[in-house]
Amino acid sequence: MTGELASISARAQTATLRGRHSVLDDLNPHSKEGITACLVLSLCNAQPEKRFRFERHGYFVADRRDTRPGKPVLNRTVTLRESWTKGG
């Protein structure tokens, strides 16, 4: 079974909001990453807002609007720290 995994980076394009109407105007338009992934069958009927941890990837929550039976959409809420790769 496949599902969609989404991750949004919080990095802004600029450091200031001078003259902006919305905080959203300052977000990087390329910050959302989505992939289609093979998922275990137990995720097939993931209920909206159900939380999961994927080892070495982070914590995800089933999207409350886009998740459908047999087609889950999981949004990453927290990434996992990779301190072992940075020598610490």
C-alpha atoms as a PDB file:
ATOM      1  CA  MET A   1       0.000   0.000   0.000  1.00  0.00           C
ATOM      2  CA  THR A   2       1.207   3.514  -0.687  1.00  0.00           C
ATOM      3  CA  GLY A   3       0.558   6.772   1.098  1.00  0.00           C
ATOM      4  CA  GLU A   4       1.731  10.357   0.970  1.00  0.00           C
ATOM      5  CA  LEU A   5       4.264  11.744   3.433  1.00  0.00           C
ATOM      6  CA  ALA A   6       4.581  15.523   3.725  1.00  0.00           C
ATOM      7  CA  SER A   7       7.194  17.661   5.430  1.00  0.00           C
ATOM      8  CA  ILE A   8       7.250  21.452   5.681  1.00  0.00           C
ATOM      9  CA  SER A   9      10.399  23.349   6.563  1.00  0.00           C
ATOM     10  CA  ALA A  10       9.958  26.430   8.723  1.00  0.00           C
ATOM     11  CA  ARG A  11      12.790  28.327   7.039  1.00  0.00           C
ATOM     12  CA  ALA A  12      11.759  31.769   5.848  1.00  0.00           C
ATOM     13  CA  GLN A  13      13.027  33.482   2.703  1.00  0.00           C
ATOM     14  CA  THR A  14      13.896  36.700   4.524  1.00  0.00           C
ATOM     15  CA  ALA A  15      14.416  37.707   8.119  1.00  0.00           C
ATOM     16  CA  THR A  16      11.994  40.616   8.134  1.00  0.00           C
ATOM     17  CA  LEU A  17       8.289  41.191   7.600  1.00  0.00           C
ATOM     18  CA  ARG A  18       8.607  44.862   6.637  1.00  0.00           C
ATOM     19  CA  GLY A  19       5.625  45.912   4.527  1.00  0.00           C
ATOM     20  CA  ARG A  20       4.209  42.371   4.463  1.00  0.00           C
ATOM     21  CA  HIS A  21       0.529  41.611   4.910  1.00  0.00           C
ATOM     22  CA  SER A  22       0.944  38.081   6.213  1.00  0.00           C
ATOM     23  CA  VAL A  23       3.581  35.858   7.762  1.00  0.00           C
ATOM     24  CA  LEU A  24       2.812  33.410   4.949  1.00  0.00           C
ATOM     25  CA  ASP A  25       4.259  35.923   2.456  1.00  0.00           C
ATOM     26  CA  ASP A  26       7.665  35.316   4.017  1.00  0.00           C
ATOM     27  CA  LEU A  27       7.705  31.509   3.858  1.00  0.00           C
ATOM     28  CA  ASN A  28       9.825  29.678   1.348  1.00  0.00           C
ATOM     29  CA  PRO A  29       7.455  28.414  -1.389  1.00  0.00           C
ATOM     30  CA  HIS A  30       9.705  25.363  -1.880  1.00  0.00           C
ATOM     31  CA  SER A  31       9.629  24.328   1.780  1.00  0.00           C
ATOM     32  CA  LYS A  32       6.924  21.663   1.377  1.00  0.00           C
ATOM     33  CA  GLU A  33       8.236  18.258   0.392  1.00  0.00           C
ATOM     34  CA  GLY A  34       5.931  15.380  -0.409  1.00  0.00           C
ATOM     35  CA  ILE A  35       6.725  11.794  -1.298  1.00  0.00           C
ATOM     36  CA  THR A  36       4.708   8.708  -2.060  1.00  0.00           C
ATOM     37  CA  ALA A  37       5.944   5.857   0.113  1.00  0.00           C
ATOM     38  CA  CYS A  38       5.219   2.185   0.664  1.00  0.00           C
ATOM     39  CA  LEU A  39       3.497   1.784   4.020  1.00  0.00           C
ATOM     40  CA  VAL A  40       2.729  -1.210   6.198  1.00  0.00           C
ATOM     41  CA  LEU A  41      -0.838  -2.461   5.965  1.00  0.00           C
ATOM     42  CA  SER A  42      -1.634  -1.363   9.526  1.00  0.00           C
ATOM     43  CA  LEU A  43      -1.498   2.260   8.273  1.00  0.00           C
ATOM     44  CA  CYS A  44      -4.108   1.551   5.586  1.00  0.00           C
ATOM     45  CA  ASN A  45      -6.959   2.757   7.781  1.00  0.00           C
ATOM     46  CA  ALA A  46      -5.140   5.453   9.749  1.00  0.00           C
ATOM     47  CA  GLN A  47      -7.680   7.705  11.412  1.00  0.00           C
ATOM     48  CA  PRO A  48      -7.334  11.491  10.965  1.00  0.00           C
ATOM     49  CA  GLU A  49      -5.115  13.078  13.644  1.00  0.00           C
ATOM     50  CA  LYS A  50      -3.699   9.681  14.704  1.00  0.00           C
ATOM     51  CA  ARG A  51       0.016  10.012  15.578  1.00  0.00           C
ATOM     52  CA  PHE A  52       2.900   7.776  14.465  1.00  0.00           C
ATOM     53  CA  ARG A  53       6.669   7.602  14.889  1.00  0.00           C
ATOM     54  CA  PHE A  54       8.712   6.332  11.980  1.00  0.00           C
ATOM     55  CA  GLU A  55      12.134   5.185  13.071  1.00  0.00           C
ATOM     56  CA  ARG A  56      14.902   7.507  11.826  1.00  0.00           C
ATOM     57  CA  HIS A  57      12.384   9.831  10.129  1.00  0.00           C
ATOM     58  CA  GLY A  58      10.337  11.544  12.820  1.00  0.00           C
ATOM     59  CA  TYR A  59       6.856  11.906  14.194  1.00  0.00           C
ATOM     60  CA  PHE A  60       3.886  12.107  11.833  1.00  0.00           C
ATOM     61  CA  VAL A  61       0.165  12.765  12.172  1.00  0.00           C
ATOM     62  CA  ALA A  62      -2.563  11.640   9.767  1.00  0.00           C
ATOM     63  CA  ASP A  63      -3.970  14.695   8.009  1.00  0.00           C
ATOM     64  CA  ARG A  64      -7.455  15.520   9.235  1.00  0.00           C
ATOM     65  CA  ARG A  65      -8.687  16.700   5.815  1.00  0.00           C
ATOM     66  CA  ASP A  66      -6.846  14.626   3.213  1.00  0.00           C
ATOM     67  CA  THR A  67      -6.614  11.197   4.886  1.00  0.00           C
ATOM     68  CA  ARG A  68      -9.057   8.716   3.344  1.00  0.00           C
ATOM     69  CA  PRO A  69      -9.614   4.994   4.020  1.00  0.00           C
ATOM     70  CA  GLY A  70      -6.904   3.169   2.091  1.00  0.00           C
ATOM     71  CA  LYS A  71      -5.077   6.417   1.222  1.00  0.00           C
ATOM     72  CA  PRO A  72      -3.465   8.015   4.270  1.00  0.00           C
ATOM     73  CA  VAL A  73      -1.748  11.392   4.110  1.00  0.00           C
ATOM     74  CA  LEU A  74       0.799  11.749   6.911  1.00  0.00           C
ATOM     75  CA  ASN A  75       2.345  15.100   7.869  1.00  0.00           C
ATOM     76  CA  ARG A  76       5.695  15.191   9.667  1.00  0.00           C
ATOM     77  CA  THR A  77       5.375  17.197  12.863  1.00  0.00           C
ATOM     78  CA  VAL A  78       8.836  16.635  14.399  1.00  0.00           C
ATOM     79  CA  THR A  79      12.094  15.538  12.807  1.00  0.00           C
ATOM     80  CA  LEU A  80      14.515  13.325  14.676  1.00  0.00           C
ATOM     81  CA  ARG A  81      17.871  14.737  15.668  1.00  0.00           C
ATOM     82  CA  GLU A  82      20.787  13.123  13.882  1.00  0.00           C
ATOM     83  CA  SER A  83      23.537  13.926  16.384  1.00  0.00           C
ATOM     84  CA  TRP A  84      25.350  10.674  15.635  1.00  0.00           C
ATOM     85  CA  THR A  85      26.205  11.951  12.135  1.00  0.00           C
ATOM     86  CA  LYS A  86      27.635  15.232  13.441  1.00  0.00           C
ATOM     87  CA  GLY A  87      30.147  13.711  15.824  1.00  0.00           C
ATOM     88  CA  GLY A  88      28.154  14.338  18.985  1.00  0.00           C
END
